[in-house]
mmCIF file of all heavy atoms, coordinates in Angstrom:
data_MODEL
# 
_entry.id   MODEL 
# 
loop_
_atom_site.group_PDB 
_atom_site.id 
_atom_site.type_symbol 
_atom_site.label_atom_id 
_atom_site.label_alt_id 
_atom_site.label_comp_id 
_atom_site.label_asym_id 
_atom_site.label_entity_id 
_atom_site.label_seq_id 
_atom_site.pdbx_PDB_ins_code 
_atom_site.Cartn_x 
_atom_site.Cartn_y 
_atom_site.Cartn_z 
_atom_site.occupancy 
_atom_site.B_iso_or_equiv 
_atom_site.pdbx_formal_charge 
_atom_site.auth_seq_id 
_atom_site.auth_comp_id 
_atom_site.auth_asym_id 
_atom_site.auth_atom_id 
_atom_site.pdbx_PDB_model_num 
ATOM 1   N N   . ARG A 1 1  ? 214.449 -45.508 -23.241 1.00 0.00 ? 1  ARG A N   1 
ATOM 2   C CA  . ARG A 1 1  ? 214.530 -46.353 -22.058 1.00 0.00 ? 1  ARG A CA  1 
ATOM 3   C C   . ARG A 1 1  ? 215.768 -45.996 -21.252 1.00 0.00 ? 1  ARG A C   1 
ATOM 4   O O   . ARG A 1 1  ? 216.757 -45.500 -21.784 1.00 0.00 ? 1  ARG A O   1 
ATOM 5   C CB  . ARG A 1 1  ? 214.542 -47.835 -22.429 1.00 0.00 ? 1  ARG A CB  1 
ATOM 6   C CG  . ARG A 1 1  ? 215.760 -48.300 -23.206 1.00 0.00 ? 1  ARG A CG  1 
ATOM 7   C CD  . ARG A 1 1  ? 215.574 -49.745 -23.655 1.00 0.00 ? 1  ARG A CD  1 
ATOM 8   N NE  . ARG A 1 1  ? 216.742 -50.265 -24.342 1.00 0.00 ? 1  ARG A NE  1 
ATOM 9   C CZ  . ARG A 1 1  ? 216.800 -51.460 -24.931 1.00 0.00 ? 1  ARG A CZ  1 
ATOM 10  N NH1 . ARG A 1 1  ? 215.733 -52.263 -24.912 1.00 0.00 ? 1  ARG A NH1 1 
ATOM 11  N NH2 . ARG A 1 1  ? 217.915 -51.853 -25.535 1.00 0.00 ? 1  ARG A NH2 1 
ATOM 12  N N   . GLN A 1 2  ? 215.699 -46.280 -19.954 1.00 0.00 ? 2  GLN A N   1 
ATOM 13  C CA  . GLN A 1 2  ? 216.795 -45.930 -19.071 1.00 0.00 ? 2  GLN A CA  1 
ATOM 14  C C   . GLN A 1 2  ? 216.928 -46.947 -17.946 1.00 0.00 ? 2  GLN A C   1 
ATOM 15  O O   . GLN A 1 2  ? 215.940 -47.344 -17.336 1.00 0.00 ? 2  GLN A O   1 
ATOM 16  C CB  . GLN A 1 2  ? 216.594 -44.535 -18.483 1.00 0.00 ? 2  GLN A CB  1 
ATOM 17  C CG  . GLN A 1 2  ? 217.777 -44.025 -17.679 1.00 0.00 ? 2  GLN A CG  1 
ATOM 18  C CD  . GLN A 1 2  ? 217.630 -42.568 -17.312 1.00 0.00 ? 2  GLN A CD  1 
ATOM 19  O OE1 . GLN A 1 2  ? 216.514 -42.061 -17.161 1.00 0.00 ? 2  GLN A OE1 1 
ATOM 20  N NE2 . GLN A 1 2  ? 218.750 -41.877 -17.162 1.00 0.00 ? 2  GLN A NE2 1 
ATOM 21  N N   . VAL A 1 3  ? 218.161 -47.331 -17.690 1.00 0.00 ? 3  VAL A N   1 
ATOM 22  C CA  . VAL A 1 3  ? 218.516 -48.190 -16.564 1.00 0.00 ? 3  VAL A CA  1 
ATOM 23  C C   . VAL A 1 3  ? 219.192 -47.313 -15.523 1.00 0.00 ? 3  VAL A C   1 
ATOM 24  O O   . VAL A 1 3  ? 219.994 -46.436 -15.876 1.00 0.00 ? 3  VAL A O   1 
ATOM 25  C CB  . VAL A 1 3  ? 219.461 -49.320 -17.005 1.00 0.00 ? 3  VAL A CB  1 
ATOM 26  C CG1 . VAL A 1 3  ? 219.893 -50.164 -15.813 1.00 0.00 ? 3  VAL A CG1 1 
ATOM 27  C CG2 . VAL A 1 3  ? 218.801 -50.180 -18.063 1.00 0.00 ? 3  VAL A CG2 1 
ATOM 28  N N   . PRO A 1 4  ? 218.903 -47.513 -14.230 1.00 0.00 ? 4  PRO A N   1 
ATOM 29  C CA  . PRO A 1 4  ? 219.561 -46.700 -13.202 1.00 0.00 ? 4  PRO A CA  1 
ATOM 30  C C   . PRO A 1 4  ? 221.073 -46.725 -13.348 1.00 0.00 ? 4  PRO A C   1 
ATOM 31  O O   . PRO A 1 4  ? 221.679 -47.788 -13.512 1.00 0.00 ? 4  PRO A O   1 
ATOM 32  C CB  . PRO A 1 4  ? 219.111 -47.361 -11.898 1.00 0.00 ? 4  PRO A CB  1 
ATOM 33  C CG  . PRO A 1 4  ? 217.778 -47.945 -12.228 1.00 0.00 ? 4  PRO A CG  1 
ATOM 34  C CD  . PRO A 1 4  ? 217.915 -48.429 -13.646 1.00 0.00 ? 4  PRO A CD  1 
ATOM 35  N N   . GLY A 1 5  ? 221.679 -45.548 -13.292 1.00 0.00 ? 5  GLY A N   1 
ATOM 36  C CA  . GLY A 1 5  ? 223.110 -45.434 -13.422 1.00 0.00 ? 5  GLY A CA  1 
ATOM 37  C C   . GLY A 1 5  ? 223.612 -45.337 -14.841 1.00 0.00 ? 5  GLY A C   1 
ATOM 38  O O   . GLY A 1 5  ? 224.822 -45.176 -15.050 1.00 0.00 ? 5  GLY A O   1 
ATOM 39  N N   . LYS A 1 6  ? 222.716 -45.455 -15.822 1.00 0.00 ? 6  LYS A N   1 
ATOM 40  C CA  . LYS A 1 6  ? 223.102 -45.362 -17.214 1.00 0.00 ? 6  LYS A CA  1 
ATOM 41  C C   . LYS A 1 6  ? 222.317 -44.249 -17.901 1.00 0.00 ? 6  LYS A C   1 
ATOM 42  O O   . LYS A 1 6  ? 221.277 -43.806 -17.414 1.00 0.00 ? 6  LYS A O   1 
ATOM 43  C CB  . LYS A 1 6  ? 222.865 -46.690 -17.938 1.00 0.00 ? 6  LYS A CB  1 
ATOM 44  C CG  . LYS A 1 6  ? 223.704 -47.839 -17.413 1.00 0.00 ? 6  LYS A CG  1 
ATOM 45  C CD  . LYS A 1 6  ? 223.506 -49.085 -18.252 1.00 0.00 ? 6  LYS A CD  1 
ATOM 46  C CE  . LYS A 1 6  ? 224.355 -50.234 -17.735 1.00 0.00 ? 6  LYS A CE  1 
ATOM 47  N NZ  . LYS A 1 6  ? 225.800 -49.945 -17.890 1.00 0.00 ? 6  LYS A NZ  1 
ATOM 48  N N   . GLU A 1 7  ? 222.831 -43.818 -19.033 1.00 0.00 ? 7  GLU A N   1 
ATOM 49  C CA  . GLU A 1 7  ? 222.165 -42.771 -19.788 1.00 0.00 ? 7  GLU A CA  1 
ATOM 50  C C   . GLU A 1 7  ? 220.910 -43.301 -20.463 1.00 0.00 ? 7  GLU A C   1 
ATOM 51  O O   . GLU A 1 7  ? 220.832 -44.462 -20.851 1.00 0.00 ? 7  GLU A O   1 
ATOM 52  C CB  . GLU A 1 7  ? 223.111 -42.189 -20.838 1.00 0.00 ? 7  GLU A CB  1 
ATOM 53  C CG  . GLU A 1 7  ? 224.308 -41.461 -20.267 1.00 0.00 ? 7  GLU A CG  1 
ATOM 54  C CD  . GLU A 1 7  ? 225.165 -40.824 -21.340 1.00 0.00 ? 7  GLU A CD  1 
ATOM 55  O OE1 . GLU A 1 7  ? 224.827 -40.961 -22.535 1.00 0.00 ? 7  GLU A OE1 1 
ATOM 56  O OE2 . GLU A 1 7  ? 226.160 -40.181 -20.992 1.00 0.00 ? 7  GLU A OE2 1 
ATOM 57  N N   . ARG A 1 8  ? 219.939 -42.424 -20.599 1.00 0.00 ? 8  ARG A N   1 
ATOM 58  C CA  . ARG A 1 8  ? 218.739 -42.769 -21.335 1.00 0.00 ? 8  ARG A CA  1 
ATOM 59  C C   . ARG A 1 8  ? 219.098 -42.961 -22.810 1.00 0.00 ? 8  ARG A C   1 
ATOM 60  O O   . ARG A 1 8  ? 219.902 -42.211 -23.372 1.00 0.00 ? 8  ARG A O   1 
ATOM 61  C CB  . ARG A 1 8  ? 217.704 -41.666 -21.189 1.00 0.00 ? 8  ARG A CB  1 
ATOM 62  C CG  . ARG A 1 8  ? 216.381 -41.940 -21.861 1.00 0.00 ? 8  ARG A CG  1 
ATOM 63  C CD  . ARG A 1 8  ? 215.448 -40.758 -21.654 1.00 0.00 ? 8  ARG A CD  1 
ATOM 64  N NE  . ARG A 1 8  ? 215.041 -40.639 -20.258 1.00 0.00 ? 8  ARG A NE  1 
ATOM 65  C CZ  . ARG A 1 8  ? 214.489 -39.546 -19.748 1.00 0.00 ? 8  ARG A CZ  1 
ATOM 66  N NH1 . ARG A 1 8  ? 214.284 -38.476 -20.494 1.00 0.00 ? 8  ARG A NH1 1 
ATOM 67  N NH2 . ARG A 1 8  ? 214.145 -39.535 -18.473 1.00 0.00 ? 8  ARG A NH2 1 
ATOM 68  N N   . GLU A 1 9  ? 218.499 -43.966 -23.443 1.00 0.00 ? 9  GLU A N   1 
ATOM 69  C CA  . GLU A 1 9  ? 218.820 -44.254 -24.828 1.00 0.00 ? 9  GLU A CA  1 
ATOM 70  C C   . GLU A 1 9  ? 217.554 -44.320 -25.677 1.00 0.00 ? 9  GLU A C   1 
ATOM 71  O O   . GLU A 1 9  ? 216.498 -44.754 -25.210 1.00 0.00 ? 9  GLU A O   1 
ATOM 72  C CB  . GLU A 1 9  ? 219.595 -45.568 -24.952 1.00 0.00 ? 9  GLU A CB  1 
ATOM 73  C CG  . GLU A 1 9  ? 218.824 -46.794 -24.507 1.00 0.00 ? 9  GLU A CG  1 
ATOM 74  C CD  . GLU A 1 9  ? 219.611 -48.074 -24.696 1.00 0.00 ? 9  GLU A CD  1 
ATOM 75  O OE1 . GLU A 1 9  ? 220.769 -48.015 -25.149 1.00 0.00 ? 9  GLU A OE1 1 
ATOM 76  O OE2 . GLU A 1 9  ? 219.060 -49.156 -24.390 1.00 0.00 ? 9  GLU A OE2 1 
ATOM 77  N N   . PRO A 1 10 ? 217.656 -43.883 -26.919 1.00 0.00 ? 10 PRO A N   1 
ATOM 78  C CA  . PRO A 1 10 ? 216.495 -43.955 -27.813 1.00 0.00 ? 10 PRO A CA  1 
ATOM 79  C C   . PRO A 1 10 ? 216.229 -45.394 -28.242 1.00 0.00 ? 10 PRO A C   1 
ATOM 80  O O   . PRO A 1 10 ? 217.154 -46.182 -28.433 1.00 0.00 ? 10 PRO A O   1 
ATOM 81  C CB  . PRO A 1 10 ? 216.918 -43.091 -29.003 1.00 0.00 ? 10 PRO A CB  1 
ATOM 82  C CG  . PRO A 1 10 ? 218.413 -43.177 -29.006 1.00 0.00 ? 10 PRO A CG  1 
ATOM 83  C CD  . PRO A 1 10 ? 218.823 -43.254 -27.553 1.00 0.00 ? 10 PRO A CD  1 
ATOM 84  N N   . VAL A 1 11 ? 214.959 -45.714 -28.411 1.00 0.00 ? 11 VAL A N   1 
ATOM 85  C CA  . VAL A 1 11 ? 214.538 -47.052 -28.807 1.00 0.00 ? 11 VAL A CA  1 
ATOM 86  C C   . VAL A 1 11 ? 213.898 -47.046 -30.184 1.00 0.00 ? 11 VAL A C   1 
ATOM 87  O O   . VAL A 1 11 ? 214.279 -47.817 -31.067 1.00 0.00 ? 11 VAL A O   1 
ATOM 88  C CB  . VAL A 1 11 ? 213.568 -47.653 -27.778 1.00 0.00 ? 11 VAL A CB  1 
ATOM 89  C CG1 . VAL A 1 11 ? 213.074 -49.023 -28.239 1.00 0.00 ? 11 VAL A CG1 1 
ATOM 90  C CG2 . VAL A 1 11 ? 214.240 -47.754 -26.413 1.00 0.00 ? 11 VAL A CG2 1 
ATOM 91  N N   . ALA A 1 12 ? 212.894 -46.186 -30.382 1.00 0.00 ? 12 ALA A N   1 
ATOM 92  C CA  . ALA A 1 12 ? 212.163 -46.141 -31.636 1.00 0.00 ? 12 ALA A CA  1 
ATOM 93  C C   . ALA A 1 12 ? 211.390 -44.842 -31.723 1.00 0.00 ? 12 ALA A C   1 
ATOM 94  O O   . ALA A 1 12 ? 211.141 -44.186 -30.705 1.00 0.00 ? 12 ALA A O   1 
ATOM 95  C CB  . ALA A 1 12 ? 211.203 -47.336 -31.762 1.00 0.00 ? 12 ALA A CB  1 
ATOM 96  N N   . ALA A 1 13 ? 210.991 -44.478 -32.926 1.00 0.00 ? 13 ALA A N   1 
ATOM 97  C CA  . ALA A 1 13 ? 210.190 -43.288 -33.134 1.00 0.00 ? 13 ALA A CA  1 
ATOM 98  C C   . ALA A 1 13 ? 209.318 -43.472 -34.361 1.00 0.00 ? 13 ALA A C   1 
ATOM 99  O O   . ALA A 1 13 ? 209.627 -44.279 -35.248 1.00 0.00 ? 13 ALA A O   1 
ATOM 100 C CB  . ALA A 1 13 ? 211.072 -42.046 -33.293 1.00 0.00 ? 13 ALA A CB  1 
ATOM 101 N N   . ILE A 1 14 ? 208.234 -42.716 -34.406 1.00 0.00 ? 14 ILE A N   1 
ATOM 102 C CA  . ILE A 1 14 ? 207.318 -42.792 -35.533 1.00 0.00 ? 14 ILE A CA  1 
ATOM 103 C C   . ILE A 1 14 ? 206.777 -41.404 -35.851 1.00 0.00 ? 14 ILE A C   1 
ATOM 104 O O   . ILE A 1 14 ? 206.427 -40.643 -34.943 1.00 0.00 ? 14 ILE A O   1 
ATOM 105 C CB  . ILE A 1 14 ? 206.173 -43.790 -35.254 1.00 0.00 ? 14 ILE A CB  1 
ATOM 106 C CG1 . ILE A 1 14 ? 205.299 -43.978 -36.488 1.00 0.00 ? 14 ILE A CG1 1 
ATOM 107 C CG2 . ILE A 1 14 ? 205.336 -43.351 -34.052 1.00 0.00 ? 14 ILE A CG2 1 
ATOM 108 C CD1 . ILE A 1 14 ? 204.358 -45.170 -36.387 1.00 0.00 ? 14 ILE A CD1 1 
ATOM 109 N N   . THR A 1 15 ? 206.731 -41.081 -37.125 1.00 0.00 ? 15 THR A N   1 
ATOM 110 C CA  . THR A 1 15 ? 206.111 -39.844 -37.584 1.00 0.00 ? 15 THR A CA  1 
ATOM 111 C C   . THR A 1 15 ? 204.619 -40.094 -37.732 1.00 0.00 ? 15 THR A C   1 
ATOM 112 O O   . THR A 1 15 ? 204.206 -41.001 -38.460 1.00 0.00 ? 15 THR A O   1 
ATOM 113 C CB  . THR A 1 15 ? 206.710 -39.394 -38.917 1.00 0.00 ? 15 THR A CB  1 
ATOM 114 O OG1 . THR A 1 15 ? 208.121 -39.205 -38.770 1.00 0.00 ? 15 THR A OG1 1 
ATOM 115 C CG2 . THR A 1 15 ? 206.079 -38.094 -39.388 1.00 0.00 ? 15 THR A CG2 1 
ATOM 116 N N   . LEU A 1 16 ? 203.816 -39.308 -37.046 1.00 0.00 ? 16 LEU A N   1 
ATOM 117 C CA  . LEU A 1 16 ? 202.399 -39.617 -36.933 1.00 0.00 ? 16 LEU A CA  1 
ATOM 118 C C   . LEU A 1 16 ? 201.651 -39.476 -38.249 1.00 0.00 ? 16 LEU A C   1 
ATOM 119 O O   . LEU A 1 16 ? 200.713 -40.234 -38.509 1.00 0.00 ? 16 LEU A O   1 
ATOM 120 C CB  . LEU A 1 16 ? 201.748 -38.735 -35.866 1.00 0.00 ? 16 LEU A CB  1 
ATOM 121 C CG  . LEU A 1 16 ? 202.297 -38.913 -34.450 1.00 0.00 ? 16 LEU A CG  1 
ATOM 122 C CD1 . LEU A 1 16 ? 201.512 -38.048 -33.470 1.00 0.00 ? 16 LEU A CD1 1 
ATOM 123 C CD2 . LEU A 1 16 ? 202.246 -40.371 -34.029 1.00 0.00 ? 16 LEU A CD2 1 
ATOM 124 N N   . SER A 1 17 ? 202.035 -38.532 -39.081 1.00 0.00 ? 17 SER A N   1 
ATOM 125 C CA  . SER A 1 17 ? 201.305 -38.309 -40.316 1.00 0.00 ? 17 SER A CA  1 
ATOM 126 C C   . SER A 1 17 ? 201.580 -39.363 -41.379 1.00 0.00 ? 17 SER A C   1 
ATOM 127 O O   . SER A 1 17 ? 200.679 -39.717 -42.148 1.00 0.00 ? 17 SER A O   1 
ATOM 128 C CB  . SER A 1 17 ? 201.629 -36.921 -40.875 1.00 0.00 ? 17 SER A CB  1 
ATOM 129 O OG  . SER A 1 17 ? 203.007 -36.814 -41.180 1.00 0.00 ? 17 SER A OG  1 
ATOM 130 N N   . THR A 1 18 ? 202.798 -39.869 -41.428 1.00 0.00 ? 18 THR A N   1 
ATOM 131 C CA  . THR A 1 18 ? 203.197 -40.794 -42.483 1.00 0.00 ? 18 THR A CA  1 
ATOM 132 C C   . THR A 1 18 ? 203.401 -42.227 -42.010 1.00 0.00 ? 18 THR A C   1 
ATOM 133 O O   . THR A 1 18 ? 203.384 -43.146 -42.831 1.00 0.00 ? 18 THR A O   1 
ATOM 134 C CB  . THR A 1 18 ? 204.491 -40.331 -43.146 1.00 0.00 ? 18 THR A CB  1 
ATOM 135 O OG1 . THR A 1 18 ? 205.560 -40.400 -42.202 1.00 0.00 ? 18 THR A OG1 1 
ATOM 136 C CG2 . THR A 1 18 ? 204.351 -38.900 -43.657 1.00 0.00 ? 18 THR A CG2 1 
ATOM 137 N N   . GLY A 1 19 ? 203.624 -42.421 -40.725 1.00 0.00 ? 19 GLY A N   1 
ATOM 138 C CA  . GLY A 1 19 ? 203.932 -43.737 -40.209 1.00 0.00 ? 19 GLY A CA  1 
ATOM 139 C C   . GLY A 1 19 ? 205.381 -44.149 -40.378 1.00 0.00 ? 19 GLY A C   1 
ATOM 140 O O   . GLY A 1 19 ? 205.729 -45.308 -40.110 1.00 0.00 ? 19 GLY A O   1 
ATOM 141 N N   . ARG A 1 20 ? 206.231 -43.241 -40.806 1.00 0.00 ? 20 ARG A N   1 
ATOM 142 C CA  . ARG A 1 20 ? 207.649 -43.561 -40.945 1.00 0.00 ? 20 ARG A CA  1 
ATOM 143 C C   . ARG A 1 20 ? 208.238 -43.896 -39.584 1.00 0.00 ? 20 ARG A C   1 
ATOM 144 O O   . ARG A 1 20 ? 207.968 -43.223 -38.598 1.00 0.00 ? 20 ARG A O   1 
ATOM 145 C CB  . ARG A 1 20 ? 208.393 -42.382 -41.565 1.00 0.00 ? 20 ARG A CB  1 
ATOM 146 C CG  . ARG A 1 20 ? 209.879 -42.631 -41.767 1.00 0.00 ? 20 ARG A CG  1 
ATOM 147 C CD  . ARG A 1 20 ? 210.539 -41.450 -42.435 1.00 0.00 ? 20 ARG A CD  1 
ATOM 148 N NE  . ARG A 1 20 ? 211.963 -41.671 -42.644 1.00 0.00 ? 20 ARG A NE  1 
ATOM 149 C CZ  . ARG A 1 20 ? 212.773 -40.814 -43.244 1.00 0.00 ? 20 ARG A CZ  1 
ATOM 150 N NH1 . ARG A 1 20 ? 212.299 -39.658 -43.705 1.00 0.00 ? 20 ARG A NH1 1 
ATOM 151 N NH2 . ARG A 1 20 ? 214.062 -41.111 -43.388 1.00 0.00 ? 20 ARG A NH2 1 
ATOM 152 N N   . THR A 1 21 ? 209.069 -44.924 -39.544 1.00 0.00 ? 21 THR A N   1 
ATOM 153 C CA  . THR A 1 21 ? 209.613 -45.412 -38.279 1.00 0.00 ? 21 THR A CA  1 
ATOM 154 C C   . THR A 1 21 ? 211.129 -45.422 -38.288 1.00 0.00 ? 21 THR A C   1 
ATOM 155 O O   . THR A 1 21 ? 211.769 -45.489 -39.346 1.00 0.00 ? 21 THR A O   1 
ATOM 156 C CB  . THR A 1 21 ? 209.116 -46.828 -37.969 1.00 0.00 ? 21 THR A CB  1 
ATOM 157 O OG1 . THR A 1 21 ? 209.492 -47.714 -39.028 1.00 0.00 ? 21 THR A OG1 1 
ATOM 158 C CG2 . THR A 1 21 ? 207.598 -46.846 -37.824 1.00 0.00 ? 21 THR A CG2 1 
ATOM 159 N N   . ASN A 1 22 ? 211.696 -45.367 -37.104 1.00 0.00 ? 22 ASN A N   1 
ATOM 160 C CA  . ASN A 1 22 ? 213.126 -45.498 -36.882 1.00 0.00 ? 22 ASN A CA  1 
ATOM 161 C C   . ASN A 1 22 ? 213.338 -46.362 -35.654 1.00 0.00 ? 22 ASN A C   1 
ATOM 162 O O   . ASN A 1 22 ? 212.547 -46.324 -34.707 1.00 0.00 ? 22 ASN A O   1 
ATOM 163 C CB  . ASN A 1 22 ? 213.789 -44.134 -36.680 1.00 0.00 ? 22 ASN A CB  1 
ATOM 164 C CG  . ASN A 1 22 ? 213.728 -43.253 -37.907 1.00 0.00 ? 22 ASN A CG  1 
ATOM 165 O OD1 . ASN A 1 22 ? 212.850 -42.395 -38.024 1.00 0.00 ? 22 ASN A OD1 1 
ATOM 166 N ND2 . ASN A 1 22 ? 214.651 -43.471 -38.831 1.00 0.00 ? 22 ASN A ND2 1 
ATOM 167 N N   . TYR A 1 23 ? 214.435 -47.131 -35.668 1.00 0.00 ? 23 TYR A N   1 
ATOM 168 C CA  . TYR A 1 23 ? 214.725 -48.035 -34.568 1.00 0.00 ? 23 TYR A CA  1 
ATOM 169 C C   . TYR A 1 23 ? 216.200 -48.004 -34.220 1.00 0.00 ? 23 TYR A C   1 
ATOM 170 O O   . TYR A 1 23 ? 217.062 -47.841 -35.093 1.00 0.00 ? 23 TYR A O   1 
ATOM 171 C CB  . TYR A 1 23 ? 214.364 -49.476 -34.931 1.00 0.00 ? 23 TYR A CB  1 
ATOM 172 C CG  . TYR A 1 23 ? 212.899 -49.704 -35.188 1.00 0.00 ? 23 TYR A CG  1 
ATOM 173 C CD1 . TYR A 1 23 ? 212.384 -49.643 -36.476 1.00 0.00 ? 23 TYR A CD1 1 
ATOM 174 C CD2 . TYR A 1 23 ? 212.030 -49.997 -34.140 1.00 0.00 ? 23 TYR A CD2 1 
ATOM 175 C CE1 . TYR A 1 23 ? 211.040 -49.852 -36.717 1.00 0.00 ? 23 TYR A CE1 1 
ATOM 176 C CE2 . TYR A 1 23 ? 210.686 -50.212 -34.377 1.00 0.00 ? 23 TYR A CE2 1 
ATOM 177 C CZ  . TYR A 1 23 ? 210.200 -50.137 -35.670 1.00 0.00 ? 23 TYR A CZ  1 
ATOM 178 O OH  . TYR A 1 23 ? 208.858 -50.349 -35.901 1.00 0.00 ? 23 TYR A OH  1 
ATOM 179 N N   . ALA A 1 24 ? 216.476 -48.193 -32.939 1.00 0.00 ? 24 ALA A N   1 
ATOM 180 C CA  . ALA A 1 24 ? 217.843 -48.426 -32.519 1.00 0.00 ? 24 ALA A CA  1 
ATOM 181 C C   . ALA A 1 24 ? 218.294 -49.793 -33.012 1.00 0.00 ? 24 ALA A C   1 
ATOM 182 O O   . ALA A 1 24 ? 217.496 -50.729 -33.114 1.00 0.00 ? 24 ALA A O   1 
ATOM 183 C CB  . ALA A 1 24 ? 217.946 -48.356 -30.998 1.00 0.00 ? 24 ALA A CB  1 
ATOM 184 N N   . ASP A 1 25 ? 219.578 -49.917 -33.315 1.00 0.00 ? 25 ASP A N   1 
ATOM 185 C CA  . ASP A 1 25 ? 220.097 -51.191 -33.804 1.00 0.00 ? 25 ASP A CA  1 
ATOM 186 C C   . ASP A 1 25 ? 219.843 -52.332 -32.821 1.00 0.00 ? 25 ASP A C   1 
ATOM 187 O O   . ASP A 1 25 ? 219.636 -53.478 -33.233 1.00 0.00 ? 25 ASP A O   1 
ATOM 188 C CB  . ASP A 1 25 ? 221.595 -51.074 -34.089 1.00 0.00 ? 25 ASP A CB  1 
ATOM 189 C CG  . ASP A 1 25 ? 221.897 -50.227 -35.312 1.00 0.00 ? 25 ASP A CG  1 
ATOM 190 O OD1 . ASP A 1 25 ? 220.992 -50.013 -36.140 1.00 0.00 ? 25 ASP A OD1 1 
ATOM 191 O OD2 . ASP A 1 25 ? 223.051 -49.775 -35.450 1.00 0.00 ? 25 ASP A OD2 1 
ATOM 192 N N   . SER A 1 26 ? 219.851 -52.027 -31.541 1.00 0.00 ? 26 SER A N   1 
ATOM 193 C CA  . SER A 1 26 ? 219.707 -53.055 -30.525 1.00 0.00 ? 26 SER A CA  1 
ATOM 194 C C   . SER A 1 26 ? 218.326 -53.700 -30.502 1.00 0.00 ? 26 SER A C   1 
ATOM 195 O O   . SER A 1 26 ? 218.168 -54.783 -29.926 1.00 0.00 ? 26 SER A O   1 
ATOM 196 C CB  . SER A 1 26 ? 220.025 -52.479 -29.143 1.00 0.00 ? 26 SER A CB  1 
ATOM 197 O OG  . SER A 1 26 ? 219.144 -51.415 -28.827 1.00 0.00 ? 26 SER A OG  1 
ATOM 198 N N   . VAL A 1 27 ? 217.326 -53.060 -31.119 1.00 0.00 ? 27 VAL A N   1 
ATOM 199 C CA  . VAL A 1 27 ? 215.968 -53.598 -31.073 1.00 0.00 ? 27 VAL A CA  1 
ATOM 200 C C   . VAL A 1 27 ? 215.405 -53.920 -32.448 1.00 0.00 ? 27 VAL A C   1 
ATOM 201 O O   . VAL A 1 27 ? 214.295 -54.466 -32.539 1.00 0.00 ? 27 VAL A O   1 
ATOM 202 C CB  . VAL A 1 27 ? 215.007 -52.644 -30.339 1.00 0.00 ? 27 VAL A CB  1 
ATOM 203 C CG1 . VAL A 1 27 ? 215.539 -52.311 -28.956 1.00 0.00 ? 27 VAL A CG1 1 
ATOM 204 C CG2 . VAL A 1 27 ? 214.776 -51.370 -31.143 1.00 0.00 ? 27 VAL A CG2 1 
# 
């Protein structure tokens, strides 16, 4: 996600084969 004037930041990700997930602390 990105807000104008700020750097884009990672939110979450998922590995498609296993369903393993990762999240930013903020969410």
